[in-house]
């Protein structure tokens, strides 16, 4: 039997196609309003200085948006938070542009392109934006990246007894790479986990590895999002919180394992 980890969710951030923020996502997942498909709209990263704001990619804008929503939801100080960033791939548009450059006659790579090519780019921009000096982890586990990030964040909460902000995010690749990695659009989920319950707590989580199927969503459009964008493997968990369901839910991880989450919502 695997070790069970416990944490409390104090803040949530969501940005996905047709889900502009956590209040919108909560209402849709709770069945209070229908899901209406729409492209993801990424806000300008106002928390960045102007020079960095101009350089920020779609992936960076996404990560900053969901991270700050979760921090604001919890009433926390972003500068003090340990962070875990988890993405299944990297910046697809930047990768595409680099490949085009290297395939051309002029193979001089833009310093900004190179600067944005590493997997921890979003974490670096987060540090610039918030002034955070706390520990930061950057993970990739392909389609299991949300689950891997949740495990890492929960382990740090349990061992260090400190709040940890998980930011899981993915964005599309342009053609021709999209043919082999057909992520539909940009989407991200952020969870601020804490070691104890507080007035801001949304739900309690108990997490362990287990066999068995992952949970799915009844709405075909939302299920398509869950399957197509790795960060949105979080949707069944968010659905339980939105509906106030105190039930267990399986989340995709590395086959044949799943994350088994016992969810105890505290409030909407």
Protein backbone atom coordinates (compact mmCIF):
# COMPACT_ATOMS: atom_id res chain seq x y z
CA UNK A 1 0.00 0.00 0.00
CA UNK A 2 1.32 3.46 -0.86
CA UNK A 3 1.77 6.23 1.69
CA UNK A 4 -1.19 8.59 2.01
CA UNK A 5 -0.50 12.32 1.77
CA UNK A 6 -2.80 14.99 3.17
CA UNK A 7 -3.17 18.64 2.20
CA UNK A 8 -5.78 21.38 2.13
CA UNK A 9 -6.63 23.45 -0.93
CA UNK A 10 -6.75 27.15 -0.05
CA UNK A 11 -6.91 28.66 -3.52
CA UNK A 12 -7.74 27.63 -7.09
CA UNK A 13 -6.94 29.17 -10.46
CA UNK A 14 -8.31 27.97 -13.81
CA UNK A 15 -7.94 29.19 -17.38
CA UNK A 16 -9.04 26.98 -20.27
CA UNK A 17 -11.15 27.02 -23.44
CA UNK A 18 -14.56 28.31 -22.37
CA UNK A 19 -13.45 28.55 -18.71
CA UNK A 20 -12.11 32.04 -18.09
CA UNK A 21 -11.45 31.63 -14.35
CA UNK A 22 -12.29 29.48 -11.33
CA UNK A 23 -15.75 31.05 -10.66
CA UNK A 24 -16.76 30.30 -14.26
CA UNK A 25 -15.32 26.79 -14.10
CA UNK A 26 -16.97 26.15 -10.73
CA UNK A 27 -20.40 27.13 -12.07
CA UNK A 28 -19.99 24.94 -15.17
CA UNK A 29 -18.65 21.94 -13.26
CA UNK A 30 -21.40 22.29 -10.64
CA UNK A 31 -24.03 22.14 -13.39
CA UNK A 32 -25.24 25.66 -12.69
CA UNK A 33 -24.58 26.84 -16.24
CA UNK A 34 -23.86 25.05 -19.54
CA UNK A 35 -20.37 24.77 -20.93
CA UNK A 36 -19.84 27.07 -23.92
CA UNK A 37 -16.74 26.30 -25.96
CA UNK A 38 -14.51 29.30 -26.76
CA UNK A 39 -10.79 29.84 -27.40
CA UNK A 40 -8.65 30.52 -24.35
CA UNK A 41 -8.05 34.25 -23.87
CA UNK A 42 -4.73 34.92 -22.15
CA UNK A 43 -4.58 38.17 -20.17
CA UNK A 44 -1.60 40.49 -20.40
CA UNK A 45 0.78 39.70 -17.50
CA UNK A 46 0.40 43.03 -15.71
CA UNK A 47 2.53 41.82 -12.79
CA UNK A 48 5.63 41.73 -15.03
CA UNK A 49 7.82 44.78 -15.72
CA UNK A 50 7.20 46.20 -19.23
CA UNK A 51 10.32 44.68 -20.84
CA UNK A 52 9.56 41.17 -19.60
CA UNK A 53 5.87 41.63 -20.38
CA UNK A 54 6.73 42.13 -24.06
CA UNK A 55 8.81 38.94 -24.09
CA UNK A 56 6.30 36.76 -22.27
CA UNK A 57 5.05 33.82 -24.33
CA UNK A 58 1.59 32.29 -24.33
CA UNK A 59 2.81 29.63 -21.91
CA UNK A 60 4.24 32.21 -19.50
CA UNK A 61 1.09 34.35 -19.62
CA UNK A 62 -0.99 31.25 -18.90
CA UNK A 63 1.10 30.12 -15.92
CA UNK A 64 1.17 33.59 -14.37
CA UNK A 65 -2.58 34.03 -14.82
CA UNK A 66 -3.66 30.81 -13.09
CA UNK A 67 -0.99 31.10 -10.41
CA UNK A 68 -2.03 34.62 -9.44
CA UNK A 69 -5.71 33.68 -9.43
CA UNK A 70 -5.04 30.89 -6.92
CA UNK A 71 -2.90 33.19 -4.77
CA UNK A 72 -5.55 35.93 -4.82
CA UNK A 73 -8.33 33.41 -4.10
CA UNK A 74 -6.42 32.28 -1.00
CA UNK A 75 -5.44 35.78 0.10
CA UNK A 76 -1.79 34.66 0.14
CA UNK A 77 1.51 36.44 -0.50
CA UNK A 78 3.01 35.10 -3.73
CA UNK A 79 6.51 36.22 -2.76
CA UNK A 80 6.60 33.77 0.16
CA UNK A 81 5.31 30.64 -1.57
CA UNK A 82 7.19 27.50 -2.51
CA UNK A 83 6.16 26.62 -6.06
CA UNK A 84 5.87 23.56 -8.29
CA UNK A 85 5.52 24.16 -12.03
CA UNK A 86 4.40 21.20 -14.13
CA UNK A 87 3.92 21.09 -17.92
CA UNK A 88 3.68 18.17 -20.30
CA UNK A 89 5.73 19.90 -22.99
CA UNK A 90 7.23 23.32 -23.41
CA UNK A 91 6.56 26.50 -25.35
CA UNK A 92 5.33 25.08 -28.65
CA UNK A 93 5.29 28.36 -30.58
CA UNK A 94 8.81 29.21 -29.46
CA UNK A 95 10.01 25.70 -30.36
CA UNK A 96 8.41 26.07 -33.80
CA UNK A 97 10.13 29.43 -34.38
CA UNK A 98 13.52 28.01 -33.34
CA UNK A 99 13.09 25.06 -35.70
CA UNK A 100 12.21 27.44 -38.54
CA UNK A 101 15.33 29.48 -37.85
CA UNK A 102 17.60 26.45 -37.73
CA UNK A 103 16.11 25.19 -41.00
CA UNK A 104 16.70 28.50 -42.76
CA UNK A 105 19.79 29.97 -44.41
CA UNK A 106 20.21 32.42 -41.52
CA UNK A 107 20.61 30.16 -38.49
CA UNK A 108 21.26 32.89 -35.93
CA UNK A 109 18.87 32.27 -33.06
CA UNK A 110 17.22 35.24 -31.39
CA UNK A 111 18.51 35.64 -27.79
CA UNK A 112 14.90 36.09 -26.64
CA UNK A 113 13.88 32.86 -28.42
CA UNK A 114 16.77 31.01 -26.81
CA UNK A 115 16.01 32.56 -23.43
CA UNK A 116 12.40 31.30 -23.67
CA UNK A 117 13.32 27.80 -24.88
CA UNK A 118 14.04 26.17 -21.51
CA UNK A 119 11.39 24.23 -19.60
CA UNK A 120 11.66 26.45 -16.51
CA UNK A 121 10.94 29.71 -18.34
CA UNK A 122 7.56 30.21 -16.65
CA UNK A 123 9.11 29.67 -13.23
CA UNK A 124 11.75 32.31 -13.99
CA UNK A 125 9.14 34.84 -15.02
CA UNK A 126 7.15 34.02 -11.88
CA UNK A 127 10.19 34.87 -9.77
CA UNK A 128 10.66 38.16 -11.64
CA UNK A 129 6.97 39.05 -11.31
CA UNK A 130 6.49 38.20 -7.63
CA UNK A 131 9.96 38.55 -6.15
CA UNK A 132 9.64 35.02 -4.80
CA UNK A 133 12.85 33.55 -3.37
CA UNK A 134 11.28 30.37 -1.97
CA UNK A 135 12.17 26.92 -3.38
CA UNK A 136 10.83 26.10 -6.84
CA UNK A 137 10.52 22.78 -8.70
CA UNK A 138 9.85 22.41 -12.43
CA UNK A 139 8.54 19.03 -13.64
CA UNK A 140 7.52 17.24 -16.80
CA UNK A 141 5.87 13.82 -16.98
CA UNK A 142 4.19 14.09 -20.39
CA UNK A 143 0.45 13.33 -20.04
CA UNK A 144 0.91 12.54 -16.33
CA UNK A 145 2.32 15.99 -15.57
CA UNK A 146 -0.62 17.23 -13.47
CA UNK A 147 -0.48 14.11 -11.31
CA UNK A 148 3.29 14.32 -10.95
CA UNK A 149 3.05 17.96 -9.96
CA UNK A 150 0.32 17.22 -7.41
CA UNK A 151 2.43 14.47 -5.83
CA UNK A 152 5.47 16.74 -5.64
CA UNK A 153 3.47 19.59 -4.11
CA UNK A 154 1.75 17.29 -1.57
CA UNK A 155 5.08 15.74 -0.55
CA UNK A 156 6.56 19.18 0.08
CA UNK A 157 3.50 20.25 2.07
CA UNK A 158 3.79 17.11 4.22
CA UNK A 159 7.56 17.23 4.77
CA UNK A 160 8.19 20.96 5.09
CA UNK A 161 4.79 21.82 6.63
CA UNK A 162 4.59 24.90 4.43
CA UNK A 163 2.15 26.11 1.76
CA UNK A 164 3.01 25.07 -1.80
CA UNK A 165 1.58 26.52 -5.00
CA UNK A 166 1.13 24.01 -7.84
CA UNK A 167 0.85 25.50 -11.34
CA UNK A 168 0.07 23.00 -14.12
CA UNK A 169 -0.15 24.37 -17.64
CA UNK A 170 0.01 23.38 -21.31
CA UNK A 171 -0.34 25.13 -24.64
CA UNK A 172 -0.74 24.11 -28.24
CA UNK A 173 1.93 23.50 -30.87
CA UNK A 174 1.49 25.01 -34.32
CA UNK A 175 1.73 22.88 -37.46
CA UNK A 176 3.50 20.64 -38.31
CA UNK A 177 4.34 19.56 -34.74
CA UNK A 178 0.65 19.67 -33.80
CA UNK A 179 0.14 16.61 -36.02
CA UNK A 180 2.03 14.48 -33.49
CA UNK A 181 1.12 16.50 -30.38
CA UNK A 182 -2.44 17.73 -31.03
CA UNK A 183 -3.05 19.79 -27.89
CA UNK A 184 -6.15 21.85 -28.67
CA UNK A 185 -5.44 25.13 -26.90
CA UNK A 186 -3.77 26.66 -23.86
CA UNK A 187 -5.07 25.66 -20.42
CA UNK A 188 -3.84 25.68 -16.85
CA UNK A 189 -4.84 24.89 -13.28
CA UNK A 190 -3.27 26.19 -10.08
CA UNK A 191 -3.83 24.85 -6.55
CA UNK A 192 -2.49 26.44 -3.39
CA UNK A 193 -1.97 23.57 -0.94
CA UNK A 194 -1.50 24.09 2.80
CA UNK A 195 -0.61 21.70 5.64
CA UNK A 196 -3.50 22.78 7.90
CA UNK A 197 -7.09 23.87 7.45
CA UNK A 198 -7.73 27.61 7.48
CA UNK A 199 -10.62 29.98 6.93
CA UNK A 200 -9.64 30.00 3.25
CA UNK A 201 -9.70 26.22 2.83
CA UNK A 202 -11.81 24.96 -0.07
CA UNK A 203 -11.28 21.22 0.36
CA UNK A 204 -9.23 18.57 2.09
CA UNK A 205 -7.27 16.11 -0.06
CA UNK A 206 -5.94 12.70 0.87
CA UNK A 207 -3.77 11.32 -1.90
CA UNK A 208 -2.21 7.96 -2.63
CA UNK A 209 -1.15 5.87 -5.61
CA UNK A 210 -3.51 3.08 -6.62
CA UNK A 211 -4.62 0.93 -9.51
CA UNK A 212 -7.91 1.43 -11.28
CA UNK A 213 -9.49 3.75 -13.84
CA UNK A 214 -9.29 7.51 -13.91
CA UNK A 215 -12.51 9.46 -13.46
CA UNK A 216 -14.18 10.93 -16.52
CA UNK A 217 -16.66 13.75 -17.06
CA UNK A 218 -20.25 13.27 -18.20
CA UNK A 219 -20.24 16.33 -20.45
CA UNK A 220 -18.61 15.22 -23.76
CA UNK A 221 -17.10 18.65 -24.39
CA UNK A 222 -15.48 18.83 -20.95
CA UNK A 223 -14.31 15.23 -21.24
CA UNK A 224 -12.66 16.12 -24.55
CA UNK A 225 -10.79 18.93 -22.79
CA UNK A 226 -9.71 16.58 -20.01
CA UNK A 227 -8.32 14.07 -22.48
CA UNK A 228 -6.78 16.56 -24.89
CA UNK A 229 -4.94 18.96 -22.55
CA UNK A 230 -2.83 17.23 -19.86
CA UNK A 231 -3.18 20.03 -17.30
CA UNK A 232 -6.95 19.49 -17.40
CA UNK A 233 -6.63 15.99 -16.00
CA UNK A 234 -7.46 18.04 -12.90
CA UNK A 235 -11.08 18.58 -14.00
CA UNK A 236 -12.63 15.58 -12.18
CA UNK A 237 -11.06 16.82 -8.94
CA UNK A 238 -12.36 20.33 -9.55
CA UNK A 239 -15.79 18.92 -10.37
CA UNK A 240 -15.99 17.23 -6.93
CA UNK A 241 -15.04 20.49 -5.26
CA UNK A 242 -17.52 22.50 -7.33
CA UNK A 243 -20.36 20.09 -6.56
CA UNK A 244 -19.45 19.69 -2.90
CA UNK A 245 -19.10 15.92 -3.38
CA UNK A 246 -17.17 14.19 -0.60
CA UNK A 247 -16.05 11.27 -2.74
CA UNK A 248 -12.91 9.59 -4.02
CA UNK A 249 -11.73 10.38 -7.53
CA UNK A 250 -9.07 8.78 -9.72
CA UNK A 251 -6.70 11.09 -11.61
CA UNK A 252 -4.49 10.01 -14.50
CA UNK A 253 -0.88 9.24 -13.65
CA UNK A 254 1.78 6.94 -15.11
CA UNK A 255 0.09 3.77 -16.36
CA UNK A 256 -0.98 1.52 -14.77
CA UNK A 257 -1.03 3.73 -11.67
CA UNK A 258 -3.60 6.40 -10.83
CA UNK A 259 -3.77 9.02 -8.13
CA UNK A 260 -6.61 8.16 -5.80
CA UNK A 261 -7.87 11.36 -4.16
CA UNK A 262 -10.27 11.38 -1.23
CA UNK A 263 -11.93 14.80 -1.51
CA UNK A 264 -13.73 16.53 1.36
CA UNK A 265 -15.02 19.94 0.20
CA UNK A 266 -15.19 22.67 2.83
CA UNK A 267 -17.20 25.26 0.93
CA UNK A 268 -17.92 26.24 -2.70
